[in-house]
Amino acid sequence: MVNSKQKGARFERTLAKIFRDEGYDGARRTQQYCGATEESSDVVGLPYIHVEAKHYKKQAFSYDWIDQAKRDAKDDKIPVVFHKTDNHEILVTMTLEDWFKLYREFEAGFSL
């Protein structure tokens, strides 16, 4: 179990670094233990996005993950699951409704 927690923490730190490398300088892993944080997102720093991070050895995506992200998301943030398995790239999962919200914003930027 400890090894699993360490892997999860390592993945959260990796995501925070990727976000910073992409220009989101305030990205960081949140404090996750003992209820010591008001932040329920695993990593903060992406505006409007609630981050749920999952790294498993072999397990495929679980709908429980998106359910957890939806339950935990606050302040109208879009619940998104960043997940990966060993030796594979990071994938991003969200509901179709939320994907269209983002896509419409993306598309609107091109019509200006």
PDB file of N, CA and C in Angstrom:
ATOM      1  N   MET A   1       0.829  -1.198   0.000  1.00  0.00           N
ATOM      2  CA  MET A   1       0.000   0.000   0.000  1.00  0.00           C
ATOM      3  C   MET A   1       0.871   1.260   0.000  1.00  0.00           C
ATOM      4  N   VAL A   2       1.939   1.258   0.781  1.00  0.00           N
ATOM      5  CA  VAL A   2       2.814   2.430   0.850  1.00  0.00           C
ATOM      6  C   VAL A   2       3.417   2.707  -0.521  1.00  0.00           C
ATOM      7  N   ASN A   3       3.850   1.644  -1.213  1.00  0.00           N
ATOM      8  CA  ASN A   3       4.426   1.804  -2.534  1.00  0.00           C
ATOM      9  C   ASN A   3       3.416   2.433  -3.489  1.00  0.00           C
ATOM     10  N   SER A   4       2.158   2.031  -3.392  1.00  0.00           N
ATOM     11  CA  SER A   4       1.094   2.589  -4.214  1.00  0.00           C
ATOM     12  C   SER A   4       0.905   4.073  -3.928  1.00  0.00           C
ATOM     13  N   LYS A   5       0.923   4.453  -2.653  1.00  0.00           N
ATOM     14  CA  LYS A   5       0.797   5.863  -2.282  1.00  0.00           C
ATOM     15  C   LYS A   5       1.976   6.667  -2.807  1.00  0.00           C
ATOM     16  N   GLN A   6       3.178   6.080  -2.734  1.00  0.00           N
ATOM     17  CA  GLN A   6       4.361   6.770  -3.238  1.00  0.00           C
ATOM     18  C   GLN A   6       4.268   6.971  -4.750  1.00  0.00           C
ATOM     19  N   LYS A   7       3.761   5.949  -5.453  1.00  0.00           N
ATOM     20  CA  LYS A   7       3.603   6.060  -6.896  1.00  0.00           C
ATOM     21  C   LYS A   7       2.599   7.165  -7.229  1.00  0.00           C
ATOM     22  N   GLY A   8       1.497   7.230  -6.486  1.00  0.00           N
ATOM     23  CA  GLY A   8       0.500   8.268  -6.706  1.00  0.00           C
ATOM     24  C   GLY A   8       1.069   9.653  -6.460  1.00  0.00           C
ATOM     25  N   ALA A   9       1.812   9.806  -5.372  1.00  0.00           N
ATOM     26  CA  ALA A   9       2.421  11.102  -5.050  1.00  0.00           C
ATOM     27  C   ALA A   9       3.431  11.500  -6.119  1.00  0.00           C
ATOM     28  N   ARG A  10       4.202  10.545  -6.591  1.00  0.00           N
ATOM     29  CA  ARG A  10       5.193  10.808  -7.637  1.00  0.00           C
ATOM     30  C   ARG A  10       4.490  11.274  -8.925  1.00  0.00           C
ATOM     31  N   PHE A  11       3.380  10.625  -9.261  1.00  0.00           N
ATOM     32  CA  PHE A  11       2.625  11.008 -10.461  1.00  0.00           C
ATOM     33  C   PHE A  11       2.051  12.415 -10.313  1.00  0.00           C
ATOM     34  N   GLU A  12       1.545  12.750  -9.142  1.00  0.00           N
ATOM     35  CA  GLU A  12       1.019  14.096  -8.898  1.00  0.00           C
ATOM     36  C   GLU A  12       2.121  15.135  -9.054  1.00  0.00           C
ATOM     37  N   ARG A  13       3.318  14.836  -8.528  1.00  0.00           N
ATOM     38  CA  ARG A  13       4.442  15.773  -8.689  1.00  0.00           C
ATOM     39  C   ARG A  13       4.824  15.897 -10.164  1.00  0.00           C
ATOM     40  N   THR A  14       4.786  14.791 -10.886  1.00  0.00           N
ATOM     41  CA  THR A  14       5.092  14.812 -12.322  1.00  0.00           C
ATOM     42  C   THR A  14       4.091  15.690 -13.063  1.00  0.00           C
ATOM     43  N   LEU A  15       2.802  15.528 -12.767  1.00  0.00           N
ATOM     44  CA  LEU A  15       1.785  16.364 -13.410  1.00  0.00           C
ATOM     45  C   LEU A  15       2.024  17.842 -13.105  1.00  0.00           C
ATOM     46  N   ALA A  16       2.301  18.164 -11.846  1.00  0.00           N
ATOM     47  CA  ALA A  16       2.553  19.556 -11.471  1.00  0.00           C
ATOM     48  C   ALA A  16       3.731  20.122 -12.267  1.00  0.00           C
ATOM     49  N   LYS A  17       4.775  19.338 -12.436  1.00  0.00           N
ATOM     50  CA  LYS A  17       5.932  19.788 -13.219  1.00  0.00           C
ATOM     51  C   LYS A  17       5.554  19.994 -14.679  1.00  0.00           C
ATOM     52  N   ILE A  18       4.795  19.072 -15.244  1.00  0.00           N
ATOM     53  CA  ILE A  18       4.350  19.220 -16.633  1.00  0.00           C
ATOM     54  C   ILE A  18       3.525  20.497 -16.790  1.00  0.00           C
ATOM     55  N   PHE A  19       2.610  20.735 -15.857  1.00  0.00           N
ATOM     56  CA  PHE A  19       1.784  21.944 -15.917  1.00  0.00           C
ATOM     57  C   PHE A  19       2.664  23.191 -15.856  1.00  0.00           C
ATOM     58  N   ARG A  20       3.665  23.184 -14.953  1.00  0.00           N
ATOM     59  CA  ARG A  20       4.580  24.344 -14.862  1.00  0.00           C
ATOM     60  C   ARG A  20       5.361  24.508 -16.161  1.00  0.00           C
ATOM     61  N   ASP A  21       5.848  23.388 -16.710  1.00  0.00           N
ATOM     62  CA  ASP A  21       6.589  23.441 -17.973  1.00  0.00           C
ATOM     63  C   ASP A  21       5.735  23.992 -19.111  1.00  0.00           C
ATOM     64  N   GLU A  22       4.417  23.816 -19.015  1.00  0.00           N
ATOM     65  CA  GLU A  22       3.490  24.324 -20.030  1.00  0.00           C
ATOM     66  C   GLU A  22       3.062  25.769 -19.752  1.00  0.00           C
ATOM     67  N   GLY A  23       3.641  26.377 -18.718  1.00  0.00           N
ATOM     68  CA  GLY A  23       3.391  27.794 -18.455  1.00  0.00           C
ATOM     69  C   GLY A  23       2.473  28.097 -17.282  1.00  0.00           C
ATOM     70  N   TYR A  24       2.023  27.084 -16.564  1.00  0.00           N
ATOM     71  CA  TYR A  24       1.165  27.295 -15.400  1.00  0.00           C
ATOM     72  C   TYR A  24       2.042  27.256 -14.146  1.00  0.00           C
ATOM     73  N   ASP A  25       2.721  28.376 -13.913  1.00  0.00           N
ATOM     74  CA  ASP A  25       3.769  28.459 -12.892  1.00  0.00           C
ATOM     75  C   ASP A  25       3.303  28.132 -11.478  1.00  0.00           C
ATOM     76  N   GLY A  26       2.040  28.342 -11.177  1.00  0.00           N
ATOM     77  CA  GLY A  26       1.534  28.082  -9.834  1.00  0.00           C
ATOM     78  C   GLY A  26       1.108  26.643  -9.588  1.00  0.00           C
ATOM     79  N   ALA A  27       1.315  25.762 -10.556  1.00  0.00           N
ATOM     80  CA  ALA A  27       0.885  24.366 -10.400  1.00  0.00           C
ATOM     81  C   ALA A  27       1.681  23.685  -9.298  1.00  0.00           C
ATOM     82  N   ARG A  28       0.943  22.965  -8.456  1.00  0.00           N
ATOM     83  CA  ARG A  28       1.590  22.225  -7.369  1.00  0.00           C
ATOM     84  C   ARG A  28       0.673  21.105  -6.902  1.00  0.00           C
ATOM     85  N   ARG A  29       1.285  20.131  -6.293  1.00  0.00           N
ATOM     86  CA  ARG A  29       0.542  19.038  -5.672  1.00  0.00           C
ATOM     87  C   ARG A  29      -0.054  19.570  -4.375  1.00  0.00           C
ATOM     88  N   THR A  30      -1.285  19.167  -4.051  1.00  0.00           N
ATOM     89  CA  THR A  30      -1.900  19.618  -2.807  1.00  0.00           C
ATOM     90  C   THR A  30      -1.577  18.643  -1.686  1.00  0.00           C
ATOM     91  N   GLN A  31      -1.724  19.125  -0.477  1.00  0.00           N
ATOM     92  CA  GLN A  31      -1.516  18.296   0.707  1.00  0.00           C
ATOM     93  C   GLN A  31      -2.730  17.380   0.837  1.00  0.00           C
ATOM     94  N   GLN A  32      -2.519  16.076   0.870  1.00  0.00           N
ATOM     95  CA  GLN A  32      -3.622  15.130   0.735  1.00  0.00           C
ATOM     96  C   GLN A  32      -3.957  14.339   1.990  1.00  0.00           C
ATOM     97  N   TYR A  33      -3.306  14.582   3.084  1.00  0.00           N
ATOM     98  CA  TYR A  33      -3.509  13.697   4.225  1.00  0.00           C
ATOM     99  C   TYR A  33      -4.176  14.408   5.394  1.00  0.00           C
ATOM    100  N   CYS A  34      -4.848  13.646   6.218  1.00  0.00           N
ATOM    101  CA  CYS A  34      -5.434  14.123   7.479  1.00  0.00           C
ATOM    102  C   CYS A  34      -6.449  15.256   7.298  1.00  0.00           C
ATOM    103  N   GLY A  35      -7.032  15.359   6.120  1.00  0.00           N
ATOM    104  CA  GLY A  35      -8.001  16.424   5.896  1.00  0.00           C
ATOM    105  C   GLY A  35      -7.394  17.798   6.046  1.00  0.00           C
ATOM    106  N   ALA A  36      -6.082  17.919   5.833  1.00  0.00           N
ATOM    107  CA  ALA A  36      -5.366  19.160   6.112  1.00  0.00           C
ATOM    108  C   ALA A  36      -5.424  20.157   4.968  1.00  0.00           C
ATOM    109  N   THR A  37      -6.330  19.984   4.034  1.00  0.00           N
ATOM    110  CA  THR A  37      -6.398  20.924   2.932  1.00  0.00           C
ATOM    111  C   THR A  37      -7.845  21.214   2.561  1.00  0.00           C
ATOM    112  N   GLU A  38      -8.088  22.408   2.114  1.00  0.00           N
ATOM    113  CA  GLU A  38      -9.408  22.739   1.593  1.00  0.00           C
ATOM    114  C   GLU A  38      -9.481  22.382   0.112  1.00  0.00           C
ATOM    115  N   GLU A  39      -8.321  22.149  -0.495  1.00  0.00           N
ATOM    116  CA  GLU A  39      -8.258  21.780  -1.901  1.00  0.00           C
ATOM    117  C   GLU A  39      -8.537  20.289  -2.029  1.00  0.00           C
ATOM    118  N   SER A  40      -9.501  19.926  -2.856  1.00  0.00           N
ATOM    119  CA  SER A  40      -9.766  18.508  -3.057  1.00  0.00           C
ATOM    120  C   SER A  40      -9.106  18.006  -4.336  1.00  0.00           C
ATOM    121  N   SER A  41      -8.618  18.923  -5.159  1.00  0.00           N
ATOM    122  CA  SER A  41      -7.925  18.557  -6.387  1.00  0.00           C
ATOM    123  C   SER A  41      -6.551  17.994  -6.033  1.00  0.00           C
ATOM    124  N   ASP A  42      -6.103  16.963  -6.742  1.00  0.00           N
ATOM    125  CA  ASP A  42      -4.783  16.386  -6.468  1.00  0.00           C
ATOM    126  C   ASP A  42      -3.661  17.346  -6.828  1.00  0.00           C
ATOM    127  N   VAL A  43      -3.863  18.100  -7.907  1.00  0.00           N
ATOM    128  CA  VAL A  43      -2.893  19.094  -8.355  1.00  0.00           C
ATOM    129  C   VAL A  43      -3.675  20.358  -8.674  1.00  0.00           C
ATOM    130  N   VAL A  44      -3.194  21.494  -8.218  1.00  0.00           N
ATOM    131  CA  VAL A  44      -3.841  22.770  -8.511  1.00  0.00           C
ATOM    132  C   VAL A  44      -2.946  23.593  -9.430  1.00  0.00           C
ATOM    133  N   GLY A  45      -3.553  24.576 -10.078  1.00  0.00           N
ATOM    134  CA  GLY A  45      -2.783  25.472 -10.926  1.00  0.00           C
ATOM    135  C   GLY A  45      -3.298  25.579 -12.347  1.00  0.00           C
ATOM    136  N   LEU A  46      -4.225  24.708 -12.745  1.00  0.00           N
ATOM    137  CA  LEU A  46      -4.881  24.847 -14.045  1.00  0.00           C
ATOM    138  C   LEU A  46      -6.219  25.537 -13.802  1.00  0.00           C
ATOM    139  N   PRO A  47      -6.379  26.764 -14.269  1.00  0.00           N
ATOM    140  CA  PRO A  47      -7.635  27.462 -14.037  1.00  0.00           C
ATOM    141  C   PRO A  47      -8.831  26.676 -14.568  1.00  0.00           C
ATOM    142  N   TYR A  48      -9.898  26.656 -13.789  1.00  0.00           N
ATOM    143  CA  TYR A  48     -11.179  26.049 -14.171  1.00  0.00           C
ATOM    144  C   TYR A  48     -11.171  24.525 -14.213  1.00  0.00           C
ATOM    145  N   ILE A  49     -10.060  23.886 -13.843  1.00  0.00           N
ATOM    146  CA  ILE A  49      -9.955  22.426 -13.935  1.00  0.00           C
ATOM    147  C   ILE A  49      -9.733  21.818 -12.562  1.00  0.00           C
ATOM    148  N   HIS A  50     -10.535  20.799 -12.248  1.00  0.00           N
ATOM    149  CA  HIS A  50     -10.335  19.982 -11.048  1.00  0.00           C
ATOM    150  C   HIS A  50      -9.565  18.746 -11.495  1.00  0.00           C
ATOM    151  N   VAL A  51      -8.374  18.533 -10.939  1.00  0.00           N
ATOM    152  CA  VAL A  51      -7.498  17.441 -11.362  1.00  0.00           C
ATOM    153  C   VAL A  51      -7.618  16.258 -10.410  1.00  0.00           C
ATOM    154  N   GLU A  52      -7.969  15.118 -10.974  1.00  0.00           N
ATOM    155  CA  GLU A  52      -7.902  13.836 -10.276  1.00  0.00           C
ATOM    156  C   GLU A  52      -6.788  13.063 -10.968  1.00  0.00           C
ATOM    157  N   ALA A  53      -5.776  12.633 -10.216  1.00  0.00           N
ATOM    158  CA  ALA A  53      -4.615  11.952 -10.793  1.00  0.00           C
ATOM    159  C   ALA A  53      -4.607  10.480 -10.382  1.00  0.00           C
ATOM    160  N   LYS A  54      -4.416   9.598 -11.363  1.00  0.00           N
ATOM    161  CA  LYS A  54      -4.399   8.156 -11.104  1.00  0.00           C
ATOM    162  C   LYS A  54      -3.262   7.514 -11.889  1.00  0.00           C
ATOM    163  N   HIS A  55      -2.425   6.760 -11.190  1.00  0.00           N
ATOM    164  CA  HIS A  55      -1.356   6.006 -11.847  1.00  0.00           C
ATOM    165  C   HIS A  55      -1.392   4.590 -11.302  1.00  0.00           C
ATOM    166  N   TYR A  56      -1.670   3.654 -12.187  1.00  0.00           N
ATOM    167  CA  TYR A  56      -1.775   2.260 -11.792  1.00  0.00           C
ATOM    168  C   TYR A  56      -0.858   1.399 -12.634  1.00  0.00           C
ATOM    169  N   LYS A  57      -0.499   0.252 -12.086  1.00  0.00           N
ATOM    170  CA  LYS A  57       0.400  -0.650 -12.795  1.00  0.00           C
ATOM    171  C   LYS A  57      -0.236  -1.154 -14.078  1.00  0.00           C
ATOM    172  N   LYS A  58      -1.458  -1.691 -13.994  1.00  0.00           N
ATOM    173  CA  LYS A  58      -2.091  -2.260 -15.176  1.00  0.00           C
ATOM    174  C   LYS A  58      -3.560  -1.902 -15.340  1.00  0.00           C
ATOM    175  N   GLN A  59      -4.189  -1.409 -14.317  1.00  0.00           N
ATOM    176  CA  GLN A  59      -5.632  -1.204 -14.350  1.00  0.00           C
ATOM    177  C   GLN A  59      -6.032  -0.204 -15.422  1.00  0.00           C
ATOM    178  N   ALA A  60      -7.103  -0.521 -16.124  1.00  0.00           N
ATOM    179  CA  ALA A  60      -7.647   0.405 -17.118  1.00  0.00           C
ATOM    180  C   ALA A  60      -8.521   1.440 -16.417  1.00  0.00           C
ATOM    181  N   PHE A  61      -8.977   2.400 -17.165  1.00  0.00           N
ATOM    182  CA  PHE A  61      -9.806   3.475 -16.626  1.00  0.00           C
ATOM    183  C   PHE A  61     -11.020   2.921 -15.892  1.00  0.00           C
ATOM    184  N   SER A  62     -11.387   3.582 -14.806  1.00  0.00           N
ATOM    185  CA  SER A  62     -12.568   3.217 -14.036  1.00  0.00           C
ATOM    186  C   SER A  62     -13.507   4.415 -13.976  1.00  0.00           C
ATOM    187  N   TYR A  63     -14.785   4.179 -14.194  1.00  0.00           N
ATOM    188  CA  TYR A  63     -15.767   5.255 -14.075  1.00  0.00           C
ATOM    189  C   TYR A  63     -15.812   5.805 -12.650  1.00  0.00           C
ATOM    190  N   ASP A  64     -15.364   5.024 -11.682  1.00  0.00           N
ATOM    191  CA  ASP A  64     -15.294   5.516 -10.308  1.00  0.00           C
ATOM    192  C   ASP A  64     -14.404   6.751 -10.221  1.00  0.00           C
ATOM    193  N   TRP A  65     -13.378   6.809 -11.054  1.00  0.00           N
ATOM    194  CA  TRP A  65     -12.448   7.937 -11.020  1.00  0.00           C
ATOM    195  C   TRP A  65     -13.144   9.229 -11.432  1.00  0.00           C
ATOM    196  N   ILE A  66     -13.899   9.191 -12.514  1.00  0.00           N
ATOM    197  CA  ILE A  66     -14.586  10.404 -12.953  1.00  0.00           C
ATOM    198  C   ILE A  66     -15.697  10.755 -11.972  1.00  0.00           C
ATOM    199  N   ASP A  67     -16.341   9.730 -11.393  1.00  0.00           N
ATOM    200  CA  ASP A  67     -17.357   9.989 -10.366  1.00  0.00           C
ATOM    201  C   ASP A  67     -16.742  10.722  -9.183  1.00  0.00           C
ATOM    202  N   GLN A  68     -15.543  10.299  -8.771  1.00  0.00           N
ATOM    203  CA  GLN A  68     -14.844  10.955  -7.666  1.00  0.00           C
ATOM    204  C   GLN A  68     -14.506  12.400  -8.033  1.00  0.00           C
ATOM    205  N   ALA A  69     -14.005  12.610  -9.235  1.00  0.00           N
ATOM    206  CA  ALA A  69     -13.653  13.964  -9.674  1.00  0.00           C
ATOM    207  C   ALA A  69     -14.894  14.861  -9.699  1.00  0.00           C
ATOM    208  N   LYS A  70     -16.023  14.328 -10.166  1.00  0.00           N
ATOM    209  CA  LYS A  70     -17.268  15.111 -10.206  1.00  0.00           C
ATOM    210  C   LYS A  70     -17.747  15.451  -8.799  1.00  0.00           C
ATOM    211  N   ARG A  71     -17.634  14.499  -7.870  1.00  0.00           N
ATOM    212  CA  ARG A  71     -18.044  14.753  -6.482  1.00  0.00           C
ATOM    213  C   ARG A  71     -17.170  15.815  -5.830  1.00  0.00           C
ATOM    214  N   ASP A  72     -15.870  15.771  -6.108  1.00  0.00           N
ATOM    215  CA  ASP A  72     -14.914  16.641  -5.430  1.00  0.00           C
ATOM    216  C   ASP A  72     -14.768  18.025  -6.065  1.00  0.00           C
ATOM    217  N   ALA A  73     -15.149  18.170  -7.320  1.00  0.00           N
ATOM    218  CA  ALA A  73     -14.957  19.449  -8.019  1.00  0.00           C
ATOM    219  C   ALA A  73     -15.805  20.529  -7.361  1.00  0.00           C
ATOM    220  N   LYS A  74     -15.194  21.696  -7.162  1.00  0.00           N
ATOM    221  CA  LYS A  74     -15.875  22.831  -6.531  1.00  0.00           C
ATOM    222  C   LYS A  74     -15.774  24.051  -7.432  1.00  0.00           C
ATOM    223  N   ASP A  75     -16.600  25.036  -7.140  1.00  0.00           N
ATOM    224  CA  ASP A  75     -16.522  26.329  -7.822  1.00  0.00           C
ATOM    225  C   ASP A  75     -16.666  26.205  -9.339  1.00  0.00           C
ATOM    226  N   ASP A  76     -17.539  25.341  -9.786  1.00  0.00           N
ATOM    227  CA  ASP A  76     -17.798  25.157 -11.220  1.00  0.00           C
ATOM    228  C   ASP A  76     -16.561  24.738 -12.010  1.00  0.00           C
ATOM    229  N   LYS A  77     -15.606  24.095 -11.356  1.00  0.00           N
ATOM    230  CA  LYS A  77     -14.443  23.588 -12.074  1.00  0.00           C
ATOM    231  C   LYS A  77     -14.836  22.341 -12.861  1.00  0.00           C
ATOM    232  N   ILE A  78     -14.183  22.137 -13.983  1.00  0.00           N
ATOM    233  CA  ILE A  78     -14.445  20.967 -14.818  1.00  0.00           C
ATOM    234  C   ILE A  78     -13.672  19.783 -14.247  1.00  0.00           C
ATOM    235  N   PRO A  79     -14.370  18.691 -13.886  1.00  0.00           N
ATOM    236  CA  PRO A  79     -13.682  17.523 -13.338  1.00  0.00           C
ATOM    237  C   PRO A  79     -12.985  16.732 -14.445  1.00  0.00           C
ATOM    238  N   VAL A  80     -11.682  16.542 -14.278  1.00  0.00           N
ATOM    239  CA  VAL A  80     -10.876  15.868 -15.285  1.00  0.00           C
ATOM    240  C   VAL A  80      -9.985  14.840 -14.589  1.00  0.00           C
ATOM    241  N   VAL A  81      -9.870  13.664 -15.194  1.00  0.00           N
ATOM    242  CA  VAL A  81      -8.994  12.624 -14.660  1.00  0.00           C
ATOM    243  C   VAL A  81      -7.771  12.518 -15.566  1.00  0.00           C
ATOM    244  N   PHE A  82      -6.600  12.720 -14.993  1.00  0.00           N
ATOM    245  CA  PHE A  82      -5.327  12.493 -15.675  1.00  0.00           C
ATOM    246  C   PHE A  82      -4.862  11.126 -15.196  1.00  0.00           C
ATOM    247  N   HIS A  83      -4.665  10.197 -16.118  1.00  0.00           N
ATOM    248  CA  HIS A  83      -4.332   8.840 -15.678  1.00  0.00           C
ATOM    249  C   HIS A  83      -3.341   8.177 -16.620  1.00  0.00           C
ATOM    250  N   LYS A  84      -2.650   7.200 -16.053  1.00  0.00           N
ATOM    251  CA  LYS A  84      -1.707   6.423 -16.852  1.00  0.00           C
ATOM    252  C   LYS A  84      -1.468   5.079 -16.188  1.00  0.00           C
ATOM    253  N   THR A  85      -0.978   4.159 -16.982  1.00  0.00           N
ATOM    254  CA  THR A  85      -0.481   2.893 -16.466  1.00  0.00           C
ATOM    255  C   THR A  85       1.005   2.841 -16.775  1.00  0.00           C
ATOM    256  N   ASP A  86       1.694   1.945 -16.130  1.00  0.00           N
ATOM    257  CA  ASP A  86       3.141   1.829 -16.346  1.00  0.00           C
ATOM    258  C   ASP A  86       3.456   1.689 -17.836  1.00  0.00           C
ATOM    259  N   ASN A  87       4.508   2.363 -18.250  1.00  0.00           N
ATOM    260  CA  ASN A  87       5.033   2.286 -19.615  1.00  0.00           C
ATOM    261  C   ASN A  87       4.064   2.815 -20.685  1.00  0.00           C
ATOM    262  N   HIS A  88       3.144   3.683 -20.304  1.00  0.00           N
ATOM    263  CA  HIS A  88       2.226   4.297 -21.258  1.00  0.00           C
ATOM    264  C   HIS A  88       2.160   5.804 -21.006  1.00  0.00           C
ATOM    265  N   GLU A  89       1.689   6.517 -22.003  1.00  0.00           N
ATOM    266  CA  GLU A  89       1.584   7.963 -21.877  1.00  0.00           C
ATOM    267  C   GLU A  89       0.387   8.340 -21.003  1.00  0.00           C
ATOM    268  N   ILE A  90       0.381   9.580 -20.568  1.00  0.00           N
ATOM    269  CA  ILE A  90      -0.713  10.099 -19.739  1.00  0.00           C
ATOM    270  C   ILE A  90      -1.927  10.362 -20.636  1.00  0.00           C
ATOM    271  N   LEU A  91      -3.081   9.928 -20.160  1.00  0.00           N
ATOM    272  CA  LEU A  91      -4.347  10.188 -20.846  1.00  0.00           C
ATOM    273  C   LEU A  91      -5.189  11.124 -19.998  1.00  0.00           C
ATOM    274  N   VAL A  92      -6.116  11.820 -20.642  1.00  0.00           N
ATOM    275  CA  VAL A  92      -6.998  12.761 -19.962  1.00  0.00           C
ATOM    276  C   VAL A  92      -8.434  12.361 -20.284  1.00  0.00           C
ATOM    277  N   THR A  93      -9.263  12.213 -19.235  1.00  0.00           N
ATOM    278  CA  THR A  93     -10.648  11.783 -19.414  1.00  0.00           C
ATOM    279  C   THR A  93     -11.585  12.785 -18.747  1.00  0.00           C
ATOM    280  N   MET A  94     -12.664  13.098 -19.460  1.00  0.00           N
ATOM    281  CA  MET A  94     -13.709  13.974 -18.929  1.00  0.00           C
ATOM    282  C   MET A  94     -15.022  13.559 -19.577  1.00  0.00           C
ATOM    283  N   THR A  95     -16.112  14.114 -19.090  1.00  0.00           N
ATOM    284  CA  THR A  95     -17.400  13.807 -19.700  1.00  0.00           C
ATOM    285  C   THR A  95     -17.491  14.485 -21.069  1.00  0.00           C
ATOM    286  N   LEU A  96     -18.343  13.958 -21.914  1.00  0.00           N
ATOM    287  CA  LEU A  96     -18.542  14.545 -23.233  1.00  0.00           C
ATOM    288  C   LEU A  96     -19.070  15.970 -23.119  1.00  0.00           C
ATOM    289  N   GLU A  97     -19.978  16.202 -22.193  1.00  0.00           N
ATOM    290  CA  GLU A  97     -20.527  17.549 -21.979  1.00  0.00           C
ATOM    291  C   GLU A  97     -19.413  18.543 -21.655  1.00  0.00           C
ATOM    292  N   ASP A  98     -18.492  18.157 -20.763  1.00  0.00           N
ATOM    293  CA  ASP A  98     -17.386  19.046 -20.406  1.00  0.00           C
ATOM    294  C   ASP A  98     -16.407  19.218 -21.559  1.00  0.00           C
ATOM    295  N   TRP A  99     -16.207  18.173 -22.337  1.00  0.00           N
ATOM    296  CA  TRP A  99     -15.329  18.276 -23.501  1.00  0.00           C
ATOM    297  C   TRP A  99     -15.872  19.330 -24.469  1.00  0.00           C
ATOM    298  N   PHE A 100     -17.190  19.312 -24.686  1.00  0.00           N
ATOM    299  CA  PHE A 100     -17.788  20.306 -25.580  1.00  0.00           C
ATOM    300  C   PHE A 100     -17.651  21.716 -25.023  1.00  0.00           C
ATOM    301  N   LYS A 101     -17.728  21.877 -23.707  1.00  0.00           N
ATOM    302  CA  LYS A 101     -17.502  23.207 -23.121  1.00  0.00           C
ATOM    303  C   LYS A 101     -16.122  23.720 -23.504  1.00  0.00           C
ATOM    304  N   LEU A 102     -15.120  22.878 -23.341  1.00  0.00           N
ATOM    305  CA  LEU A 102     -13.749  23.272 -23.685  1.00  0.00           C
ATOM    306  C   LEU A 102     -13.582  23.471 -25.184  1.00  0.00           C
ATOM    307  N   TYR A 103     -14.172  22.582 -25.963  1.00  0.00           N
ATOM    308  CA  TYR A 103     -14.019  22.673 -27.410  1.00  0.00           C
ATOM    309  C   TYR A 103     -14.650  23.957 -27.954  1.00  0.00           C
ATOM    310  N   ARG A 104     -15.811  24.313 -27.427  1.00  0.00           N
ATOM    311  CA  ARG A 104     -16.457  25.546 -27.878  1.00  0.00           C
ATOM    312  C   ARG A 104     -15.593  26.768 -27.569  1.00  0.00           C
ATOM    313  N   GLU A 105     -14.961  26.776 -26.405  1.00  0.00           N
ATOM    314  CA  GLU A 105     -14.051  27.874 -26.058  1.00  0.00           C
ATOM    315  C   GLU A 105     -12.850  27.883 -27.000  1.00  0.00           C
ATOM    316  N   PHE A 106     -12.311  26.717 -27.307  1.00  0.00           N
ATOM    317  CA  PHE A 106     -11.192  26.579 -28.233  1.00  0.00           C
ATOM    318  C   PHE A 106     -11.588  27.085 -29.616  1.00  0.00           C
ATOM    319  N   GLU A 107     -12.746  26.630 -30.089  1.00  0.00           N
ATOM    320  CA  GLU A 107     -13.233  27.019 -31.403  1.00  0.00           C
ATOM    321  C   GLU A 107     -13.488  28.520 -31.484  1.00  0.00           C
ATOM    322  N   ALA A 108     -14.043  29.094 -30.423  1.00  0.00           N
ATOM    323  CA  ALA A 108     -14.334  30.523 -30.398  1.00  0.00           C
ATOM    324  C   ALA A 108     -13.059  31.340 -30.545  1.00  0.00           C
ATOM    325  N   GLY A 109     -11.967  30.850 -30.016  1.00  0.00           N
ATOM    326  CA  GLY A 109     -10.696  31.540 -30.141  1.00  0.00           C
ATOM    327  C   GLY A 109     -10.203  31.620 -31.570  1.00  0.00           C
ATOM    328  N   PHE A 110     -10.611  30.678 -32.407  1.00  0.00           N
ATOM    329  CA  PHE A 110     -10.184  30.684 -33.798  1.00  0.00           C
ATOM    330  C   PHE A 110     -11.062  31.555 -34.698  1.00  0.00           C
ATOM    331  N   SER A 111     -12.249  31.888 -34.222  1.00  0.00           N
ATOM    332  CA  SER A 111     -13.137  32.682 -35.057  1.00  0.00           C
ATOM    333  C   SER A 111     -12.961  34.184 -34.856  1.00  0.00           C
ATOM    334  N   LEU A 112     -12.052  34.579 -33.962  1.00  0.00           N
ATOM    335  CA  LEU A 112     -11.867  36.014 -33.691  1.00  0.00           C
ATOM    336  C   LEU A 112     -11.133  36.703 -34.818  1.00  0.00           C
TER     337      LEU A 112
END
